[in-house]
Amino acid sequence: MDPSTLVFAYTPVEDPAVYADVWSGFLEHMEDVTGKKVQFYPVQSNAAQIEAMRAGRLHVAGFNTGSNPLAVACAGFRPFTMMSAEDGSFGYEMEIISYPGSGIDSPADIKGNKLAFTSQTSNSGFKAPSAILKADFDLIPERDFEPVFSGKHDNSILGVAHKDYKAAAVANSVLKRMIERDVVKANQINSIYKSQTFPTTGYGVAYNLTPELQEKIKHVFFSFQWEGSKLAEEFKSEGQFLPISFKDHWDVIRKIDTANGVKYSCI
């Protein structure tokens, strides 16, 4: 494919309207490098984002950590980069959070209560906490606690801050940004578990774009000037796009999927 307009989508972890503005300068850079119009697609769910690329309506995207394997297997996604700090460090942790006075001060306290997940395709919002709670704490959804699904990380974080959820599993990168934007206060949240570091959102292209266009899009990411950009203002701990290998960087995520019995069905 060599579309006259490129469609770009950022993983639907927070308010799409906020991120349309955050990505605006980057998308102008993409227009300059590729010579094509670029449209921001405000996806509402991971499933909708995967289906859009599978159907040929989405050409460039950032898929969240947990969705990457499914997007690769079923939508023809080719990830080649993710954000990192200028020293090359990258990633985030899954945290299980509660609010002060909730009565949930450790993972063991989740037993007999509700735990908010985000969506079943999310690594930190479902896959990792499910595997960790089962392996390390012998806590299984439905048997030991009631799982509920908020749809997005910001919904889970706001739900805990406003005491709608006693506990939730979230990506701490989203939590940090929401605290920095003063959407929630740090003293509204208690962290009761923190995981190992996981790779963050993977960015890439649809496999069936022309090779020449794919190379131009790679150049867009690796030539983008972070300093003074809206991306730098929003993603304060990042400073570059780092080349990645899906085979290597997503190995731990595929292992979590295997532990959870996940199969990448494309039907």
C-alpha atoms as a PDB file:
ATOM      1  CA  MET A   1       0.000   0.000   0.000  1.00  0.00           C
ATOM      2  CA  ASP A   2       1.047   3.560  -0.697  1.00  0.00           C
ATOM      3  CA  PRO A   3      -1.836   5.665   0.694  1.00  0.00           C
ATOM      4  CA  SER A   4      -2.074   9.390   0.001  1.00  0.00           C
ATOM      5  CA  THR A   5      -3.062   9.956   3.654  1.00  0.00           C
ATOM      6  CA  LEU A   6      -1.330   8.144   6.495  1.00  0.00           C
ATOM      7  CA  VAL A   7      -3.416   7.315   9.546  1.00  0.00           C
ATOM      8  CA  PHE A   8      -1.647   7.302  12.921  1.00  0.00           C
ATOM      9  CA  ALA A   9      -2.983   6.069  16.265  1.00  0.00           C
ATOM     10  CA  TYR A  10      -1.549   6.169  19.767  1.00  0.00           C
ATOM     11  CA  THR A  11      -2.488   3.425  22.196  1.00  0.00           C
ATOM     12  CA  PRO A  12      -5.799   4.270  23.919  1.00  0.00           C
ATOM     13  CA  VAL A  13      -4.520   4.529  27.491  1.00  0.00           C
ATOM     14  CA  GLU A  14      -5.807   8.027  28.201  1.00  0.00           C
ATOM     15  CA  ASP A  15      -8.030  10.777  26.784  1.00  0.00           C
ATOM     16  CA  PRO A  16      -7.569  10.684  22.963  1.00  0.00           C
ATOM     17  CA  ALA A  17      -8.309  14.429  22.692  1.00  0.00           C
ATOM     18  CA  VAL A  18      -5.314  15.208  24.917  1.00  0.00           C
ATOM     19  CA  TYR A  19      -2.989  13.102  22.807  1.00  0.00           C
ATOM     20  CA  ALA A  20      -4.122  14.493  19.466  1.00  0.00           C
ATOM     21  CA  ASP A  21      -2.484  17.740  20.554  1.00  0.00           C
ATOM     22  CA  VAL A  22       0.540  16.038  22.154  1.00  0.00           C
ATOM     23  CA  TRP A  23       1.350  14.246  18.881  1.00  0.00           C
ATOM     24  CA  SER A  24       0.563  17.199  16.562  1.00  0.00           C
ATOM     25  CA  GLY A  25       4.178  18.370  16.113  1.00  0.00           C
ATOM     26  CA  PHE A  26       5.395  14.834  15.499  1.00  0.00           C
ATOM     27  CA  LEU A  27       2.703  14.291  12.854  1.00  0.00           C
ATOM     28  CA  GLU A  28       3.690  17.545  11.117  1.00  0.00           C
ATOM     29  CA  HIS A  29       7.223  16.149  10.997  1.00  0.00           C
ATOM     30  CA  MET A  30       5.829  12.946   9.478  1.00  0.00           C
ATOM     31  CA  GLU A  31       4.084  14.990   6.793  1.00  0.00           C
ATOM     32  CA  ASP A  32       7.342  16.809   5.980  1.00  0.00           C
ATOM     33  CA  VAL A  33       9.405  13.621   5.728  1.00  0.00           C
ATOM     34  CA  THR A  34       6.892  11.453   3.838  1.00  0.00           C
ATOM     35  CA  GLY A  35       5.274  14.144   1.711  1.00  0.00           C
ATOM     36  CA  LYS A  36       1.852  12.800   2.689  1.00  0.00           C
ATOM     37  CA  LYS A  37      -1.076  14.039   4.723  1.00  0.00           C
ATOM     38  CA  VAL A  38      -1.242  12.481   8.192  1.00  0.00           C
ATOM     39  CA  GLN A  39      -4.420  11.989  10.220  1.00  0.00           C
ATOM     40  CA  PHE A  40      -4.585  11.256  13.946  1.00  0.00           C
ATOM     41  CA  TYR A  41      -7.029   8.433  14.715  1.00  0.00           C
ATOM     42  CA  PRO A  42      -8.357   8.641  18.323  1.00  0.00           C
ATOM     43  CA  VAL A  43      -8.929   4.942  19.030  1.00  0.00           C
ATOM     44  CA  GLN A  44     -11.146   4.047  21.972  1.00  0.00           C
ATOM     45  CA  SER A  45      -9.943   0.499  22.635  1.00  0.00           C
ATOM     46  CA  ASN A  46      -7.064  -1.873  21.950  1.00  0.00           C
ATOM     47  CA  ALA A  47      -9.388  -4.154  19.987  1.00  0.00           C
ATOM     48  CA  ALA A  48     -10.495  -1.288  17.731  1.00  0.00           C
ATOM     49  CA  GLN A  49      -6.873  -0.318  17.081  1.00  0.00           C
ATOM     50  CA  ILE A  50      -5.879  -3.866  16.118  1.00  0.00           C
ATOM     51  CA  GLU A  51      -8.924  -4.265  13.874  1.00  0.00           C
ATOM     52  CA  ALA A  52      -8.211  -0.939  12.145  1.00  0.00           C
ATOM     53  CA  MET A  53      -4.698  -2.038  11.172  1.00  0.00           C
ATOM     54  CA  ARG A  54      -5.908  -5.493  10.199  1.00  0.00           C
ATOM     55  CA  ALA A  55      -8.496  -3.902   7.892  1.00  0.00           C
ATOM     56  CA  GLY A  56      -5.931  -1.579   6.281  1.00  0.00           C
ATOM     57  CA  ARG A  57      -7.354   1.614   7.802  1.00  0.00           C
ATOM     58  CA  LEU A  58      -4.392   2.239  10.126  1.00  0.00           C
ATOM     59  CA  HIS A  59      -0.838   2.608   8.817  1.00  0.00           C
ATOM     60  CA  VAL A  60       1.385   3.841  11.676  1.00  0.00           C
ATOM     61  CA  ALA A  61       0.723   3.170  15.328  1.00  0.00           C
ATOM     62  CA  GLY A  62       1.883   2.824  18.891  1.00  0.00           C
ATOM     63  CA  PHE A  63       0.431  -0.371  20.387  1.00  0.00           C
ATOM     64  CA  ASN A  64       0.550  -0.871  24.118  1.00  0.00           C
ATOM     65  CA  THR A  65       2.874  -3.460  25.615  1.00  0.00           C
ATOM     66  CA  GLY A  66       0.325  -6.231  25.975  1.00  0.00           C
ATOM     67  CA  SER A  67      -1.291  -5.693  22.560  1.00  0.00           C
ATOM     68  CA  ASN A  68       1.963  -5.906  20.598  1.00  0.00           C
ATOM     69  CA  PRO A  69       2.058  -9.719  20.203  1.00  0.00           C
ATOM     70  CA  LEU A  70      -1.565  -9.845  19.028  1.00  0.00           C
ATOM     71  CA  ALA A  71      -1.045  -6.880  16.688  1.00  0.00           C
ATOM     72  CA  VAL A  72       2.033  -8.571  15.197  1.00  0.00           C
ATOM     73  CA  ALA A  73       0.337 -11.962  14.803  1.00  0.00           C
ATOM     74  CA  CYS A  74      -3.087 -10.840  13.634  1.00  0.00           C
ATOM     75  CA  ALA A  75      -2.843  -7.332  12.206  1.00  0.00           C
ATOM     76  CA  GLY A  76       0.504  -7.375  10.392  1.00  0.00           C
ATOM     77  CA  PHE A  77       2.095  -4.853  12.757  1.00  0.00           C
ATOM     78  CA  ARG A  78       5.868  -4.345  12.428  1.00  0.00           C
ATOM     79  CA  PRO A  79       7.198  -2.614  15.591  1.00  0.00           C
ATOM     80  CA  PHE A  80      10.653  -1.061  15.287  1.00  0.00           C
ATOM     81  CA  THR A  81      10.964   1.539  18.046  1.00  0.00           C
ATOM     82  CA  MET A  82       9.860   2.680  21.491  1.00  0.00           C
ATOM     83  CA  MET A  83      10.499   5.755  23.609  1.00  0.00           C
ATOM     84  CA  SER A  84      13.482   5.777  25.938  1.00  0.00           C
ATOM     85  CA  ALA A  85      15.469   8.163  28.089  1.00  0.00           C
ATOM     86  CA  GLU A  86      18.518   9.766  26.516  1.00  0.00           C
ATOM     87  CA  ASP A  87      20.756   7.238  28.301  1.00  0.00           C
ATOM     88  CA  GLY A  88      18.894   4.364  26.610  1.00  0.00           C
ATOM     89  CA  SER A  89      16.920   3.263  29.672  1.00  0.00           C
ATOM     90  CA  PHE A  90      13.278   2.444  29.012  1.00  0.00           C
ATOM     91  CA  GLY A  91      10.181   0.801  30.339  1.00  0.00           C
ATOM     92  CA  TYR A  92       7.642   0.988  33.131  1.00  0.00           C
ATOM     93  CA  GLU A  93       6.371  -1.179  35.949  1.00  0.00           C
ATOM     94  CA  MET A  94       2.985  -2.634  36.738  1.00  0.00           C
ATOM     95  CA  GLU A  95       1.736  -1.406  40.084  1.00  0.00           C
ATOM     96  CA  ILE A  96      -1.244  -2.530  42.104  1.00  0.00           C
ATOM     97  CA  ILE A  97      -2.673   0.538  43.765  1.00  0.00           C
ATOM     98  CA  SER A  98      -5.294   1.256  46.417  1.00  0.00           C
ATOM     99  CA  TYR A  99      -6.326   4.352  48.336  1.00  0.00           C
ATOM    100  CA  PRO A 100      -5.486   5.245  51.959  1.00  0.00           C
ATOM    101  CA  GLY A 101      -7.974   3.618  54.303  1.00  0.00           C
ATOM    102  CA  SER A 102      -9.177   1.077  51.734  1.00  0.00           C
ATOM    103  CA  GLY A 103      -8.147  -1.848  53.926  1.00  0.00           C
ATOM    104  CA  ILE A 104      -5.999  -3.181  51.092  1.00  0.00           C
ATOM    105  CA  ASP A 105      -2.382  -2.686  52.106  1.00  0.00           C
ATOM    106  CA  SER A 106      -0.801  -5.720  50.427  1.00  0.00           C
ATOM    107  CA  PRO A 107      -1.688  -8.105  47.581  1.00  0.00           C
ATOM    108  CA  ALA A 108      -2.917 -10.651  50.147  1.00  0.00           C
ATOM    109  CA  ASP A 109      -5.652  -8.186  51.148  1.00  0.00           C
ATOM    110  CA  ILE A 110      -7.186  -8.401  47.660  1.00  0.00           C
ATOM    111  CA  LYS A 111      -8.712 -11.759  48.607  1.00  0.00           C
ATOM    112  CA  GLY A 112     -12.465 -11.402  48.972  1.00  0.00           C
ATOM    113  CA  ASN A 113     -12.467  -7.935  47.352  1.00  0.00           C
ATOM    114  CA  LYS A 114     -12.709  -6.494  43.841  1.00  0.00           C
ATOM    115  CA  LEU A 115      -9.663  -5.696  41.698  1.00  0.00           C
ATOM    116  CA  ALA A 116      -9.952  -3.383  38.705  1.00  0.00           C
ATOM    117  CA  PHE A 117      -8.190  -4.442  35.526  1.00  0.00           C
ATOM    118  CA  THR A 118      -8.129  -2.317  32.355  1.00  0.00           C
ATOM    119  CA  SER A 119      -8.636  -4.710  29.421  1.00  0.00           C
ATOM    120  CA  GLN A 120      -7.645  -8.285  28.666  1.00  0.00           C
ATOM    121  CA  THR A 121      -5.127  -7.182  26.012  1.00  0.00           C
ATOM    122  CA  SER A 122      -3.216  -4.959  28.435  1.00  0.00           C
ATOM    123  CA  ASN A 123       0.031  -6.260  29.905  1.00  0.00           C
ATOM    124  CA  SER A 124       0.119  -4.174  33.080  1.00  0.00           C
ATOM    125  CA  GLY A 125      -3.645  -3.795  33.232  1.00  0.00           C
ATOM    126  CA  PHE A 126      -4.394  -7.530  33.151  1.00  0.00           C
ATOM    127  CA  LYS A 127      -1.852 -10.058  31.887  1.00  0.00           C
ATOM    128  CA  ALA A 128       1.075  -9.369  34.228  1.00  0.00           C
ATOM    129  CA  PRO A 129      -0.973  -8.907  37.411  1.00  0.00           C
ATOM    130  CA  SER A 130      -2.979 -12.055  36.674  1.00  0.00           C
ATOM    131  CA  ALA A 131       0.191 -14.127  36.259  1.00  0.00           C
ATOM    132  CA  ILE A 132       1.948 -12.549  39.267  1.00  0.00           C
ATOM    133  CA  LEU A 133      -1.020 -12.821  41.646  1.00  0.00           C
ATOM    134  CA  LYS A 134      -1.459 -16.480  40.717  1.00  0.00           C
ATOM    135  CA  ALA A 135       2.226 -17.442  40.878  1.00  0.00           C
ATOM    136  CA  ASP A 136       3.344 -15.397  43.894  1.00  0.00           C
ATOM    137  CA  PHE A 137       0.202 -15.014  46.019  1.00  0.00           C
ATOM    138  CA  ASP A 138      -2.075 -17.923  44.960  1.00  0.00           C
ATOM    139  CA  LEU A 139      -4.795 -15.428  44.058  1.00  0.00           C
ATOM    140  CA  ILE A 140      -6.965 -16.320  41.071  1.00  0.00           C
ATOM    141  CA  PRO A 141      -9.718 -14.139  39.560  1.00  0.00           C
ATOM    142  CA  GLU A 142     -13.269 -15.350  40.249  1.00  0.00           C
ATOM    143  CA  ARG A 143     -12.025 -17.866  42.827  1.00  0.00           C
ATOM    144  CA  ASP A 144     -10.324 -15.450  45.243  1.00  0.00           C
ATOM    145  CA  PHE A 145     -11.426 -12.000  44.136  1.00  0.00           C
ATOM    146  CA  GLU A 146     -13.875 -10.356  41.757  1.00  0.00           C
ATOM    147  CA  PRO A 147     -12.281  -8.879  38.613  1.00  0.00           C
ATOM    148  CA  VAL A 148     -13.840  -5.765  37.090  1.00  0.00           C
ATOM    149  CA  PHE A 149     -12.725  -3.998  33.898  1.00  0.00           C
ATOM    150  CA  SER A 150     -12.431  -0.222  33.601  1.00  0.00           C
ATOM    151  CA  GLY A 151     -11.385  -0.096  29.923  1.00  0.00           C
ATOM    152  CA  LYS A 152      -8.364   2.209  30.366  1.00  0.00           C
ATOM    153  CA  HIS A 153      -5.549   2.913  32.815  1.00  0.00           C
ATOM    154  CA  ASP A 154      -6.767   6.430  33.528  1.00  0.00           C
ATOM    155  CA  ASN A 155     -10.231   5.066  34.353  1.00  0.00           C
ATOM    156  CA  SER A 156      -8.700   2.654  36.861  1.00  0.00           C
ATOM    157  CA  ILE A 157      -6.491   5.340  38.426  1.00  0.00           C
ATOM    158  CA  LEU A 158      -9.357   7.833  38.720  1.00  0.00           C
ATOM    159  CA  GLY A 159     -11.559   5.047  40.069  1.00  0.00           C
ATOM    160  CA  VAL A 160      -9.107   4.356  42.895  1.00  0.00           C
ATOM    161  CA  ALA A 161      -8.496   8.052  43.603  1.00  0.00           C
ATOM    162  CA  HIS A 162     -12.263   8.649  43.839  1.00  0.00           C
ATOM    163  CA  LYS A 163     -12.761   5.438  45.860  1.00  0.00           C
ATOM    164  CA  ASP A 164     -14.892   3.735  43.212  1.00  0.00           C
ATOM    165  CA  TYR A 165     -12.369   0.859  43.157  1.00  0.00           C
ATOM    166  CA  LYS A 166     -10.574  -0.389  46.262  1.00  0.00           C
ATOM    167  CA  ALA A 167      -7.636  -1.604  44.153  1.00  0.00           C
ATOM    168  CA  ALA A 168      -6.446  -1.597  40.546  1.00  0.00           C
ATOM    169  CA  ALA A 169      -3.565  -2.871  38.427  1.00  0.00           C
ATOM    170  CA  VAL A 170      -2.063  -0.127  36.252  1.00  0.00           C
ATOM    171  CA  ALA A 171       1.009   1.008  34.354  1.00  0.00           C
ATOM    172  CA  ASN A 172       2.950   3.375  36.583  1.00  0.00           C
ATOM    173  CA  SER A 173       4.006   5.439  33.560  1.00  0.00           C
ATOM    174  CA  VAL A 174       0.369   6.500  33.135  1.00  0.00           C
ATOM    175  CA  LEU A 175       0.032   7.124  36.881  1.00  0.00           C
ATOM    176  CA  LYS A 176       3.107   9.360  36.892  1.00  0.00           C
ATOM    177  CA  ARG A 177       1.821  11.464  33.983  1.00  0.00           C
ATOM    178  CA  MET A 178      -1.584  11.885  35.617  1.00  0.00           C
ATOM    179  CA  ILE A 179       0.028  13.040  38.873  1.00  0.00           C
ATOM    180  CA  GLU A 180       2.297  15.437  36.949  1.00  0.00           C
ATOM    181  CA  ARG A 181      -0.758  16.895  35.171  1.00  0.00           C
ATOM    182  CA  ASP A 182      -2.509  17.203  38.552  1.00  0.00           C
ATOM    183  CA  VAL A 183      -5.360  14.946  37.404  1.00  0.00           C
ATOM    184  CA  VAL A 184      -4.910  12.985  40.640  1.00  0.00           C
ATOM    185  CA  LYS A 185      -2.925  13.723  43.805  1.00  0.00           C
ATOM    186  CA  ALA A 186      -0.091  11.473  44.943  1.00  0.00           C
ATOM    187  CA  ASN A 187      -1.625  11.279  48.422  1.00  0.00           C
ATOM    188  CA  GLN A 188      -4.785   9.742  46.960  1.00  0.00           C
ATOM    189  CA  ILE A 189      -2.878   6.628  45.918  1.00  0.00           C
ATOM    190  CA  ASN A 190      -1.097   3.832  47.779  1.00  0.00           C
ATOM    191  CA  SER A 191       1.130   1.427  45.839  1.00  0.00           C
ATOM    192  CA  ILE A 192       0.958  -2.089  47.301  1.00  0.00           C
ATOM    193  CA  TYR A 193       2.974  -3.940  44.625  1.00  0.00           C
ATOM    194  CA  LYS A 194       5.536  -3.021  41.959  1.00  0.00           C
ATOM    195  CA  SER A 195       6.706  -5.430  39.250  1.00  0.00           C
ATOM    196  CA  GLN A 196       9.872  -5.811  37.228  1.00  0.00           C
ATOM    197  CA  THR A 197      10.384  -3.351  34.365  1.00  0.00           C
ATOM    198  CA  PHE A 198       8.520  -4.030  31.095  1.00  0.00           C
ATOM    199  CA  PRO A 199       9.002  -2.542  27.608  1.00  0.00           C
ATOM    200  CA  THR A 200       6.702   0.368  26.918  1.00  0.00           C
ATOM    201  CA  THR A 201       4.523   1.195  23.883  1.00  0.00           C
ATOM    202  CA  GLY A 202       5.959  -0.211  20.645  1.00  0.00           C
ATOM    203  CA  TYR A 203       5.711   1.948  17.524  1.00  0.00           C
ATOM    204  CA  GLY A 204       5.732   0.668  13.981  1.00  0.00           C
ATOM    205  CA  VAL A 205       3.978   0.267  10.672  1.00  0.00           C
ATOM    206  CA  ALA A 206       1.584  -1.976   8.808  1.00  0.00           C
ATOM    207  CA  TYR A 207       3.607  -4.725   7.122  1.00  0.00           C
ATOM    208  CA  ASN A 208       2.145  -4.132   3.655  1.00  0.00           C
ATOM    209  CA  LEU A 209       3.144  -0.514   3.151  1.00  0.00           C
ATOM    210  CA  THR A 210       5.667  -0.138   0.344  1.00  0.00           C
ATOM    211  CA  PRO A 211       9.271  -0.728   1.473  1.00  0.00           C
ATOM    212  CA  GLU A 212      10.171   2.841   0.495  1.00  0.00           C
ATOM    213  CA  LEU A 213       7.362   4.274   2.620  1.00  0.00           C
ATOM    214  CA  GLN A 214       8.259   2.069   5.583  1.00  0.00           C
ATOM    215  CA  GLU A 215      11.827   3.382   5.468  1.00  0.00           C
ATOM    216  CA  LYS A 216      10.602   6.997   5.350  1.00  0.00           C
ATOM    217  CA  ILE A 217       8.391   6.380   8.374  1.00  0.00           C
ATOM    218  CA  LYS A 218      11.324   4.875  10.291  1.00  0.00           C
ATOM    219  CA  HIS A 219      13.305   8.003   9.449  1.00  0.00           C
ATOM    220  CA  VAL A 220      10.432  10.111  10.846  1.00  0.00           C
ATOM    221  CA  PHE A 221      10.865   8.542  14.277  1.00  0.00           C
ATOM    222  CA  PHE A 222      14.645   8.534  14.369  1.00  0.00           C
ATOM    223  CA  SER A 223      15.048  12.092  13.046  1.00  0.00           C
ATOM    224  CA  PHE A 224      12.434  13.694  15.319  1.00  0.00           C
ATOM    225  CA  GLN A 225      13.801  16.531  17.443  1.00  0.00           C
ATOM    226  CA  TRP A 226      12.555  16.060  21.009  1.00  0.00           C
ATOM    227  CA  GLU A 227      13.814  19.283  22.555  1.00  0.00           C
ATOM    228  CA  GLY A 228      11.016  21.812  22.956  1.00  0.00           C
ATOM    229  CA  SER A 229       8.393  19.470  21.513  1.00  0.00           C
ATOM    230  CA  LYS A 230       4.976  18.644  22.951  1.00  0.00           C
ATOM    231  CA  LEU A 231       6.080  15.024  23.224  1.00  0.00           C
ATOM    232  CA  ALA A 232       8.972  16.092  25.463  1.00  0.00           C
ATOM    233  CA  GLU A 233       6.581  18.152  27.569  1.00  0.00           C
ATOM    234  CA  GLU A 234       4.207  15.197  28.044  1.00  0.00           C
ATOM    235  CA  PHE A 235       6.712  12.333  28.248  1.00  0.00           C
ATOM    236  CA  LYS A 236       9.138  14.058  30.581  1.00  0.00           C
ATOM    237  CA  SER A 237      11.344  11.033  31.280  1.00  0.00           C
ATOM    238  CA  GLU A 238      11.828  10.238  27.580  1.00  0.00           C
ATOM    239  CA  GLY A 239      14.161  11.849  25.081  1.00  0.00           C
ATOM    240  CA  GLN A 240      14.433   9.691  21.979  1.00  0.00           C
ATOM    241  CA  PHE A 241      13.010   6.845  19.936  1.00  0.00           C
ATOM    242  CA  LEU A 242      15.103   3.716  20.513  1.00  0.00           C
ATOM    243  CA  PRO A 243      15.422   0.938  17.882  1.00  0.00           C
ATOM    244  CA  ILE A 244      13.946  -2.331  19.143  1.00  0.00           C
ATOM    245  CA  SER A 245      13.611  -5.990  18.239  1.00  0.00           C
ATOM    246  CA  PHE A 246      10.188  -7.522  18.818  1.00  0.00           C
ATOM    247  CA  LYS A 247      11.855 -10.926  19.172  1.00  0.00           C
ATOM    248  CA  ASP A 248      14.113  -9.757  22.014  1.00  0.00           C
ATOM    249  CA  HIS A 249      12.344  -6.869  23.747  1.00  0.00           C
ATOM    250  CA  TRP A 250       8.938  -8.586  23.886  1.00  0.00           C
ATOM    251  CA  ASP A 251      10.225 -11.979  25.016  1.00  0.00           C
ATOM    252  CA  VAL A 252       9.089 -11.412  28.632  1.00  0.00           C
ATOM    253  CA  ILE A 253       5.611 -10.368  27.456  1.00  0.00           C
ATOM    254  CA  ARG A 254       5.183 -13.507  25.346  1.00  0.00           C
ATOM    255  CA  LYS A 255       6.260 -15.573  28.363  1.00  0.00           C
ATOM    256  CA  ILE A 256       3.567 -13.871  30.475  1.00  0.00           C
ATOM    257  CA  ASP A 257       1.034 -14.665  27.755  1.00  0.00           C
ATOM    258  CA  THR A 258       2.143 -18.304  27.778  1.00  0.00           C
ATOM    259  CA  ALA A 259       1.769 -18.441  31.563  1.00  0.00           C
ATOM    260  CA  ASN A 260      -1.772 -17.056  31.223  1.00  0.00           C
ATOM    261  CA  GLY A 261      -2.677 -19.519  28.460  1.00  0.00           C
ATOM    262  CA  VAL A 262      -3.085 -16.726  25.907  1.00  0.00           C
ATOM    263  CA  LYS A 263      -3.312 -17.751  22.254  1.00  0.00           C
ATOM    264  CA  TYR A 264      -3.063 -15.211  19.435  1.00  0.00           C
ATOM    265  CA  SER A 265      -6.248 -16.130  17.609  1.00  0.00           C
ATOM    266  CA  CYS A 266      -6.819 -14.240  14.363  1.00  0.00           C
ATOM    267  CA  ILE A 267     -10.351 -15.460  13.658  1.00  0.00           C
END
